[in-house]
Amino acid sequence: MTVTGTAATDGVLKTRFGTIRGVLFDIDDTLVDLEYAMTTALREVSEHLLPGMDQTGWQRFGRIFTHETTHFYDRYLAGELTFNDQRLLRGRAALGHFGVDLADGEESHRWLTAYSQLQPSYVRAFEDALPLLDLLDTAGIPYGAVSNNVHDYQRAKLDGAGLARITRLVGTDTVGVAKPEPAIYLEGVRLLGTAPAETLYVGDNRLLDAEGSTAAGLVGVWLNRAGETVPAFKGHEVRSLAQLLA
């Protein structure tokens, strides 16, 4: 990756977003391809429940789980469900779309245990993540991550994806709130030692990452890898991390 159109000096980047002295990232589906890890593991642990499913069906199954509309993950963030509870409920909802009832008790326990053990083995960084971190290191720009999951779980995920160099990490348990509460972004800014207005925050969720961080005073950027069209969105947007400083 090269910095085309971006002037880099020690500790400062002159970008199309303005003068930048620090960068914060979301983790899941921004730095780490969590959707790939989840859908691959889901298929392995669910094939015996859905024999004969074609590729289109598995893709739909994965999308239902990863982009669930039942708000189980939101309830986890609100403290209403445990992490494993929301994961199991999402699995049941996805299987239910295909007429499979994952029974309480031993069957649910086996499915959840198998998925929980297998999914981390498929966690990987996106190809555009490490080159960008190399660039930031060269320019002397501090960086970190702010995530809507707990610190230790995300620490292990970053390390497993080869992103151990990201040492500044804020989780929902760090300050006791989740995105889009301003305090969680501002804790990341504090760890970087930068000013909010000179700190980029980039993530794949338009509302939580781009708009939430912007409302907190940072320079929010939506990482729109899928090229989704949202005419009402007037903020900063890139299609890949490679475009962030191009």
C-alpha atoms as a PDB file:
ATOM      1  CA  MET A   1       0.000   0.000   0.000  1.00  0.00           C
ATOM      2  CA  THR A   2       1.256   3.453  -0.829  1.00  0.00           C
ATOM      3  CA  VAL A   3       0.058   6.801   0.421  1.00  0.00           C
ATOM      4  CA  THR A   4      -1.167   8.394  -2.774  1.00  0.00           C
ATOM      5  CA  GLY A   5      -2.394  11.945  -2.207  1.00  0.00           C
ATOM      6  CA  THR A   6      -1.593  11.796   1.532  1.00  0.00           C
ATOM      7  CA  ALA A   7       1.312  13.791   2.971  1.00  0.00           C
ATOM      8  CA  ALA A   8       2.931  11.883   5.831  1.00  0.00           C
ATOM      9  CA  THR A   9       5.334  13.370   8.345  1.00  0.00           C
ATOM     10  CA  ASP A  10       6.392  12.102  11.742  1.00  0.00           C
ATOM     11  CA  GLY A  11       3.172  11.690  13.695  1.00  0.00           C
ATOM     12  CA  VAL A  12       0.952  13.602  11.273  1.00  0.00           C
ATOM     13  CA  LEU A  13      -1.023  12.646   8.173  1.00  0.00           C
ATOM     14  CA  LYS A  14      -2.486  15.258   5.851  1.00  0.00           C
ATOM     15  CA  THR A  15      -5.487  13.483   4.356  1.00  0.00           C
ATOM     16  CA  ARG A  16      -8.719  14.290   2.516  1.00  0.00           C
ATOM     17  CA  PHE A  17     -10.352  14.020   5.921  1.00  0.00           C
ATOM     18  CA  GLY A  18      -8.081  16.717   7.337  1.00  0.00           C
ATOM     19  CA  THR A  19      -5.024  16.537   9.575  1.00  0.00           C
ATOM     20  CA  ILE A  20      -4.913  13.150  11.296  1.00  0.00           C
ATOM     21  CA  ARG A  21      -2.722  12.249  14.278  1.00  0.00           C
ATOM     22  CA  GLY A  22      -4.344   8.952  15.306  1.00  0.00           C
ATOM     23  CA  VAL A  23      -6.560   6.162  13.969  1.00  0.00           C
ATOM     24  CA  LEU A  24      -9.078   3.963  15.761  1.00  0.00           C
ATOM     25  CA  PHE A  25     -10.680   0.896  14.213  1.00  0.00           C
ATOM     26  CA  ASP A  26     -13.713  -1.248  14.774  1.00  0.00           C
ATOM     27  CA  ILE A  27     -12.639  -4.914  14.794  1.00  0.00           C
ATOM     28  CA  ASP A  28     -15.314  -7.280  13.516  1.00  0.00           C
ATOM     29  CA  ASP A  29     -15.733  -7.142   9.726  1.00  0.00           C
ATOM     30  CA  THR A  30     -13.409  -4.124   9.651  1.00  0.00           C
ATOM     31  CA  LEU A  31      -9.988  -5.523  10.574  1.00  0.00           C
ATOM     32  CA  VAL A  32     -11.087  -9.143  11.032  1.00  0.00           C
ATOM     33  CA  ASP A  33     -13.269 -11.097   8.597  1.00  0.00           C
ATOM     34  CA  LEU A  34     -15.630 -12.323  11.276  1.00  0.00           C
ATOM     35  CA  GLU A  35     -18.390 -13.139   8.816  1.00  0.00           C
ATOM     36  CA  TYR A  36     -16.128 -15.685   7.096  1.00  0.00           C
ATOM     37  CA  ALA A  37     -15.179 -17.237  10.448  1.00  0.00           C
ATOM     38  CA  MET A  38     -18.772 -17.463  11.604  1.00  0.00           C
ATOM     39  CA  THR A  39     -20.283 -18.807   8.399  1.00  0.00           C
ATOM     40  CA  THR A  40     -17.548 -21.390   7.876  1.00  0.00           C
ATOM     41  CA  ALA A  41     -17.836 -22.693  11.437  1.00  0.00           C
ATOM     42  CA  LEU A  42     -21.642 -22.602  11.286  1.00  0.00           C
ATOM     43  CA  ARG A  43     -21.687 -24.858   8.271  1.00  0.00           C
ATOM     44  CA  GLU A  44     -19.372 -27.404   9.851  1.00  0.00           C
ATOM     45  CA  VAL A  45     -21.392 -27.701  13.061  1.00  0.00           C
ATOM     46  CA  SER A  46     -24.807 -27.607  11.365  1.00  0.00           C
ATOM     47  CA  GLU A  47     -24.386 -29.897   8.337  1.00  0.00           C
ATOM     48  CA  HIS A  48     -25.802 -32.877  10.233  1.00  0.00           C
ATOM     49  CA  LEU A  49     -28.944 -30.833  10.971  1.00  0.00           C
ATOM     50  CA  LEU A  50     -29.364 -29.611   7.394  1.00  0.00           C
ATOM     51  CA  PRO A  51     -28.299 -32.527   5.157  1.00  0.00           C
ATOM     52  CA  GLY A  52     -28.356 -31.853   1.448  1.00  0.00           C
ATOM     53  CA  MET A  53     -28.350 -28.048   1.792  1.00  0.00           C
ATOM     54  CA  ASP A  54     -26.966 -26.414  -1.370  1.00  0.00           C
ATOM     55  CA  GLN A  55     -24.462 -23.536  -1.429  1.00  0.00           C
ATOM     56  CA  THR A  56     -27.184 -20.921  -1.849  1.00  0.00           C
ATOM     57  CA  GLY A  57     -28.919 -22.276   1.219  1.00  0.00           C
ATOM     58  CA  TRP A  58     -25.736 -22.162   3.287  1.00  0.00           C
ATOM     59  CA  GLN A  59     -25.111 -18.589   2.226  1.00  0.00           C
ATOM     60  CA  ARG A  60     -28.632 -17.650   3.309  1.00  0.00           C
ATOM     61  CA  PHE A  61     -28.180 -19.536   6.574  1.00  0.00           C
ATOM     62  CA  GLY A  62     -24.980 -17.643   7.289  1.00  0.00           C
ATOM     63  CA  ARG A  63     -26.521 -14.292   6.476  1.00  0.00           C
ATOM     64  CA  ILE A  64     -29.452 -14.926   8.802  1.00  0.00           C
ATOM     65  CA  PHE A  65     -27.054 -15.701  11.651  1.00  0.00           C
ATOM     66  CA  THR A  66     -24.538 -12.920  11.035  1.00  0.00           C
ATOM     67  CA  HIS A  67     -27.067 -10.220  10.168  1.00  0.00           C
ATOM     68  CA  GLU A  68     -29.835 -11.367  12.493  1.00  0.00           C
ATOM     69  CA  THR A  69     -32.764  -9.030  12.961  1.00  0.00           C
ATOM     70  CA  THR A  70     -33.962 -10.403  16.284  1.00  0.00           C
ATOM     71  CA  HIS A  71     -31.650  -8.086  18.259  1.00  0.00           C
ATOM     72  CA  PHE A  72     -30.246 -10.827  20.468  1.00  0.00           C
ATOM     73  CA  TYR A  73     -26.794  -9.214  20.317  1.00  0.00           C
ATOM     74  CA  ASP A  74     -28.274  -5.860  21.312  1.00  0.00           C
ATOM     75  CA  ARG A  75     -29.842  -7.578  24.314  1.00  0.00           C
ATOM     76  CA  TYR A  76     -26.422  -8.999  25.190  1.00  0.00           C
ATOM     77  CA  LEU A  77     -24.928  -5.503  25.064  1.00  0.00           C
ATOM     78  CA  ALA A  78     -27.756  -4.295  27.292  1.00  0.00           C
ATOM     79  CA  GLY A  79     -26.899  -6.985  29.844  1.00  0.00           C
ATOM     80  CA  GLU A  80     -30.111  -8.957  29.296  1.00  0.00           C
ATOM     81  CA  LEU A  81     -28.390 -12.047  27.847  1.00  0.00           C
ATOM     82  CA  THR A  82     -25.018 -13.701  28.285  1.00  0.00           C
ATOM     83  CA  PHE A  83     -22.697 -13.941  25.293  1.00  0.00           C
ATOM     84  CA  ASN A  84     -23.400 -17.648  24.898  1.00  0.00           C
ATOM     85  CA  ASP A  85     -27.145 -17.083  25.307  1.00  0.00           C
ATOM     86  CA  GLN A  86     -27.271 -14.637  22.396  1.00  0.00           C
ATOM     87  CA  ARG A  87     -25.096 -16.913  20.266  1.00  0.00           C
ATOM     88  CA  LEU A  88     -27.368 -19.901  20.873  1.00  0.00           C
ATOM     89  CA  LEU A  89     -30.537 -17.875  20.253  1.00  0.00           C
ATOM     90  CA  ARG A  90     -29.126 -16.607  16.964  1.00  0.00           C
ATOM     91  CA  GLY A  91     -28.282 -20.169  15.963  1.00  0.00           C
ATOM     92  CA  ARG A  92     -31.768 -21.345  16.818  1.00  0.00           C
ATOM     93  CA  ALA A  93     -33.304 -18.492  14.833  1.00  0.00           C
ATOM     94  CA  ALA A  94     -31.198 -19.315  11.770  1.00  0.00           C
ATOM     95  CA  LEU A  95     -31.952 -23.042  11.964  1.00  0.00           C
ATOM     96  CA  GLY A  96     -35.621 -22.270  12.510  1.00  0.00           C
ATOM     97  CA  HIS A  97     -35.767 -20.558   9.116  1.00  0.00           C
ATOM     98  CA  PHE A  98     -35.033 -23.988   7.631  1.00  0.00           C
ATOM     99  CA  GLY A  99     -37.504 -25.884   9.790  1.00  0.00           C
ATOM    100  CA  VAL A 100     -34.992 -27.204  12.321  1.00  0.00           C
ATOM    101  CA  ASP A 101     -35.782 -26.922  16.022  1.00  0.00           C
ATOM    102  CA  LEU A 102     -32.571 -27.039  18.056  1.00  0.00           C
ATOM    103  CA  ALA A 103     -33.802 -28.683  21.235  1.00  0.00           C
ATOM    104  CA  ASP A 104     -32.987 -27.491  24.730  1.00  0.00           C
ATOM    105  CA  GLY A 105     -30.516 -29.449  26.786  1.00  0.00           C
ATOM    106  CA  GLU A 106     -27.777 -31.684  25.437  1.00  0.00           C
ATOM    107  CA  GLU A 107     -28.400 -30.992  21.735  1.00  0.00           C
ATOM    108  CA  SER A 108     -28.120 -27.234  22.188  1.00  0.00           C
ATOM    109  CA  HIS A 109     -25.073 -27.649  24.428  1.00  0.00           C
ATOM    110  CA  ARG A 110     -23.268 -29.817  21.858  1.00  0.00           C
ATOM    111  CA  TRP A 111     -24.029 -27.384  19.013  1.00  0.00           C
ATOM    112  CA  LEU A 112     -22.923 -24.332  20.981  1.00  0.00           C
ATOM    113  CA  THR A 113     -19.768 -25.986  22.302  1.00  0.00           C
ATOM    114  CA  ALA A 114     -18.737 -27.195  18.848  1.00  0.00           C
ATOM    115  CA  TYR A 115     -19.317 -23.788  17.296  1.00  0.00           C
ATOM    116  CA  SER A 116     -17.505 -21.928  20.091  1.00  0.00           C
ATOM    117  CA  GLN A 117     -14.466 -24.183  19.766  1.00  0.00           C
ATOM    118  CA  LEU A 118     -14.322 -24.120  15.975  1.00  0.00           C
ATOM    119  CA  GLN A 119     -15.049 -20.495  15.104  1.00  0.00           C
ATOM    120  CA  PRO A 120     -11.782 -18.986  16.437  1.00  0.00           C
ATOM    121  CA  SER A 121      -9.761 -21.256  14.143  1.00  0.00           C
ATOM    122  CA  TYR A 122     -11.217 -19.473  11.117  1.00  0.00           C
ATOM    123  CA  VAL A 123     -10.597 -15.911  12.327  1.00  0.00           C
ATOM    124  CA  ARG A 124      -8.348 -14.025   9.915  1.00  0.00           C
ATOM    125  CA  ALA A 125      -7.425 -10.435   9.153  1.00  0.00           C
ATOM    126  CA  PHE A 126      -8.567  -8.827   5.938  1.00  0.00           C
ATOM    127  CA  GLU A 127      -5.778  -8.519   3.371  1.00  0.00           C
ATOM    128  CA  ASP A 128      -5.866  -4.729   3.558  1.00  0.00           C
ATOM    129  CA  ALA A 129      -5.358  -4.561   7.344  1.00  0.00           C
ATOM    130  CA  LEU A 130      -1.650  -5.269   7.821  1.00  0.00           C
ATOM    131  CA  PRO A 131      -0.454  -3.011   4.969  1.00  0.00           C
ATOM    132  CA  LEU A 132      -2.349  -0.106   6.519  1.00  0.00           C
ATOM    133  CA  LEU A 133      -0.873  -0.768   9.949  1.00  0.00           C
ATOM    134  CA  ASP A 134       2.591  -0.901   8.361  1.00  0.00           C
ATOM    135  CA  LEU A 135       1.943   2.500   6.836  1.00  0.00           C
ATOM    136  CA  LEU A 136       0.777   3.978  10.127  1.00  0.00           C
ATOM    137  CA  ASP A 137       3.812   2.555  11.916  1.00  0.00           C
ATOM    138  CA  THR A 138       6.122   4.108   9.330  1.00  0.00           C
ATOM    139  CA  ALA A 139       4.402   7.489   9.687  1.00  0.00           C
ATOM    140  CA  GLY A 140       4.507   7.335  13.484  1.00  0.00           C
ATOM    141  CA  ILE A 141       0.711   7.452  13.788  1.00  0.00           C
ATOM    142  CA  PRO A 142      -0.704   5.776  16.917  1.00  0.00           C
ATOM    143  CA  TYR A 143      -3.635   3.447  16.414  1.00  0.00           C
ATOM    144  CA  GLY A 144      -5.979   1.236  18.380  1.00  0.00           C
ATOM    145  CA  ALA A 145      -9.355  -0.481  18.345  1.00  0.00           C
ATOM    146  CA  VAL A 146     -12.737   0.220  19.924  1.00  0.00           C
ATOM    147  CA  SER A 147     -15.196  -2.673  19.872  1.00  0.00           C
ATOM    148  CA  ASN A 148     -18.741  -3.529  20.905  1.00  0.00           C
ATOM    149  CA  ASN A 149     -17.580  -6.656  22.677  1.00  0.00           C
ATOM    150  CA  VAL A 150     -15.616  -7.281  25.846  1.00  0.00           C
ATOM    151  CA  HIS A 151     -11.890  -6.542  25.984  1.00  0.00           C
ATOM    152  CA  ASP A 152     -10.440 -10.000  26.624  1.00  0.00           C
ATOM    153  CA  TYR A 153     -12.539 -11.737  23.960  1.00  0.00           C
ATOM    154  CA  GLN A 154     -11.467  -9.175  21.372  1.00  0.00           C
ATOM    155  CA  ARG A 155      -7.861  -9.277  22.565  1.00  0.00           C
ATOM    156  CA  ALA A 156      -7.740 -12.985  21.825  1.00  0.00           C
ATOM    157  CA  LYS A 157      -9.391 -12.410  18.450  1.00  0.00           C
ATOM    158  CA  LEU A 158      -6.854  -9.773  17.402  1.00  0.00           C
ATOM    159  CA  ASP A 159      -3.950 -11.947  18.518  1.00  0.00           C
ATOM    160  CA  GLY A 160      -5.368 -14.970  16.695  1.00  0.00           C
ATOM    161  CA  ALA A 161      -5.765 -12.939  13.507  1.00  0.00           C
ATOM    162  CA  GLY A 162      -2.127 -11.802  13.557  1.00  0.00           C
ATOM    163  CA  LEU A 163      -2.945  -8.307  14.808  1.00  0.00           C
ATOM    164  CA  ALA A 164      -1.175  -8.426  18.168  1.00  0.00           C
ATOM    165  CA  ARG A 165       0.525  -5.119  17.360  1.00  0.00           C
ATOM    166  CA  ILE A 166      -2.788  -3.385  18.091  1.00  0.00           C
ATOM    167  CA  THR A 167      -2.078  -2.897  21.794  1.00  0.00           C
ATOM    168  CA  ARG A 168      -4.575  -0.126  22.549  1.00  0.00           C
ATOM    169  CA  LEU A 169      -7.985  -1.771  22.851  1.00  0.00           C
ATOM    170  CA  VAL A 170     -11.279  -0.578  24.304  1.00  0.00           C
ATOM    171  CA  GLY A 171     -14.116  -3.016  24.906  1.00  0.00           C
ATOM    172  CA  THR A 172     -17.614  -2.560  26.233  1.00  0.00           C
ATOM    173  CA  ASP A 173     -16.418  -3.538  29.704  1.00  0.00           C
ATOM    174  CA  THR A 174     -13.596  -0.982  29.647  1.00  0.00           C
ATOM    175  CA  VAL A 175     -15.850   1.989  30.299  1.00  0.00           C
ATOM    176  CA  GLY A 176     -19.164   0.219  30.870  1.00  0.00           C
ATOM    177  CA  VAL A 177     -20.918   1.453  27.728  1.00  0.00           C
ATOM    178  CA  ALA A 178     -21.239   0.376  24.092  1.00  0.00           C
ATOM    179  CA  LYS A 179     -21.196   2.248  20.794  1.00  0.00           C
ATOM    180  CA  PRO A 180     -22.715   4.714  19.992  1.00  0.00           C
ATOM    181  CA  GLU A 181     -22.177   6.162  23.480  1.00  0.00           C
ATOM    182  CA  PRO A 182     -19.482   8.871  23.132  1.00  0.00           C
ATOM    183  CA  ALA A 183     -17.481   7.640  26.131  1.00  0.00           C
ATOM    184  CA  ILE A 184     -16.320   4.459  24.411  1.00  0.00           C
ATOM    185  CA  TYR A 185     -14.820   6.304  21.421  1.00  0.00           C
ATOM    186  CA  LEU A 186     -13.310   8.973  23.671  1.00  0.00           C
ATOM    187  CA  GLU A 187     -11.572   6.329  25.779  1.00  0.00           C
ATOM    188  CA  GLY A 188      -9.859   5.187  22.600  1.00  0.00           C
ATOM    189  CA  VAL A 189      -8.819   8.752  21.872  1.00  0.00           C
ATOM    190  CA  ARG A 190      -7.430   9.050  25.398  1.00  0.00           C
ATOM    191  CA  LEU A 191      -5.325   5.921  24.916  1.00  0.00           C
ATOM    192  CA  LEU A 192      -3.898   7.343  21.694  1.00  0.00           C
ATOM    193  CA  GLY A 193      -3.129  10.699  23.307  1.00  0.00           C
ATOM    194  CA  THR A 194      -4.700  12.579  20.411  1.00  0.00           C
ATOM    195  CA  ALA A 195      -7.506  15.094  20.004  1.00  0.00           C
ATOM    196  CA  PRO A 196     -10.895  13.747  18.836  1.00  0.00           C
ATOM    197  CA  ALA A 197     -11.022  16.091  15.835  1.00  0.00           C
ATOM    198  CA  GLU A 198      -7.667  14.717  14.629  1.00  0.00           C
ATOM    199  CA  THR A 199      -8.541  11.052  15.150  1.00  0.00           C
ATOM    200  CA  LEU A 200     -10.019   8.848  12.436  1.00  0.00           C
ATOM    201  CA  TYR A 201     -12.499   6.188  13.452  1.00  0.00           C
ATOM    202  CA  VAL A 202     -13.236   3.616  10.755  1.00  0.00           C
ATOM    203  CA  GLY A 203     -15.708   0.750  10.859  1.00  0.00           C
ATOM    204  CA  ASP A 204     -18.148  -1.275   8.800  1.00  0.00           C
ATOM    205  CA  ASN A 205     -21.297  -0.212  10.662  1.00  0.00           C
ATOM    206  CA  ARG A 206     -22.586   3.066   9.250  1.00  0.00           C
ATOM    207  CA  LEU A 207     -24.624   3.982  12.326  1.00  0.00           C
ATOM    208  CA  LEU A 208     -22.389   2.781  15.153  1.00  0.00           C
ATOM    209  CA  ASP A 209     -19.013   3.451  13.590  1.00  0.00           C
ATOM    210  CA  ALA A 210     -19.230   6.355  11.154  1.00  0.00           C
ATOM    211  CA  GLU A 211     -22.134   8.326  12.578  1.00  0.00           C
ATOM    212  CA  GLY A 212     -21.550   7.386  16.221  1.00  0.00           C
ATOM    213  CA  SER A 213     -17.890   8.386  16.249  1.00  0.00           C
ATOM    214  CA  THR A 214     -18.620  11.586  14.328  1.00  0.00           C
ATOM    215  CA  ALA A 215     -21.217  12.553  16.930  1.00  0.00           C
ATOM    216  CA  ALA A 216     -18.535  12.001  19.590  1.00  0.00           C
ATOM    217  CA  GLY A 217     -16.263  14.502  17.838  1.00  0.00           C
ATOM    218  CA  LEU A 218     -14.012  12.118  15.913  1.00  0.00           C
ATOM    219  CA  VAL A 219     -13.612  11.892  12.143  1.00  0.00           C
ATOM    220  CA  GLY A 220     -15.893   8.953  11.384  1.00  0.00           C
ATOM    221  CA  VAL A 221     -15.435   6.893   8.222  1.00  0.00           C
ATOM    222  CA  TRP A 222     -17.788   4.175   6.997  1.00  0.00           C
ATOM    223  CA  LEU A 223     -15.952   1.132   5.610  1.00  0.00           C
ATOM    224  CA  ASN A 224     -18.547   0.097   3.058  1.00  0.00           C
ATOM    225  CA  ARG A 225     -16.943  -3.074   1.692  1.00  0.00           C
ATOM    226  CA  ALA A 226     -20.186  -4.264   0.087  1.00  0.00           C
ATOM    227  CA  GLY A 227     -20.787  -1.011  -1.781  1.00  0.00           C
ATOM    228  CA  GLU A 228     -24.174  -0.467  -0.181  1.00  0.00           C
ATOM    229  CA  THR A 229     -25.984   2.592  -1.502  1.00  0.00           C
ATOM    230  CA  VAL A 230     -27.402   4.902   1.164  1.00  0.00           C
ATOM    231  CA  PRO A 231     -28.292   8.251  -0.458  1.00  0.00           C
ATOM    232  CA  ALA A 232     -29.095   9.830   2.913  1.00  0.00           C
ATOM    233  CA  PHE A 233     -25.558   9.230   4.201  1.00  0.00           C
ATOM    234  CA  LYS A 234     -23.463  12.361   3.716  1.00  0.00           C
ATOM    235  CA  GLY A 235     -20.416  11.369   5.757  1.00  0.00           C
ATOM    236  CA  HIS A 236     -17.018   9.956   4.834  1.00  0.00           C
ATOM    237  CA  GLU A 237     -16.949   6.577   3.114  1.00  0.00           C
ATOM    238  CA  VAL A 238     -14.362   4.159   1.698  1.00  0.00           C
ATOM    239  CA  ARG A 239     -14.687   0.748   0.062  1.00  0.00           C
ATOM    240  CA  SER A 240     -11.505  -0.718   1.573  1.00  0.00           C
ATOM    241  CA  LEU A 241      -8.856   0.078   4.152  1.00  0.00           C
ATOM    242  CA  ALA A 242      -6.494   0.627   1.237  1.00  0.00           C
ATOM    243  CA  GLN A 243      -8.566   3.685   0.291  1.00  0.00           C
ATOM    244  CA  LEU A 244      -8.458   5.174   3.762  1.00  0.00           C
ATOM    245  CA  LEU A 245      -5.285   7.156   3.199  1.00  0.00           C
ATOM    246  CA  ALA A 246      -5.253   7.129  -0.616  1.00  0.00           C
END
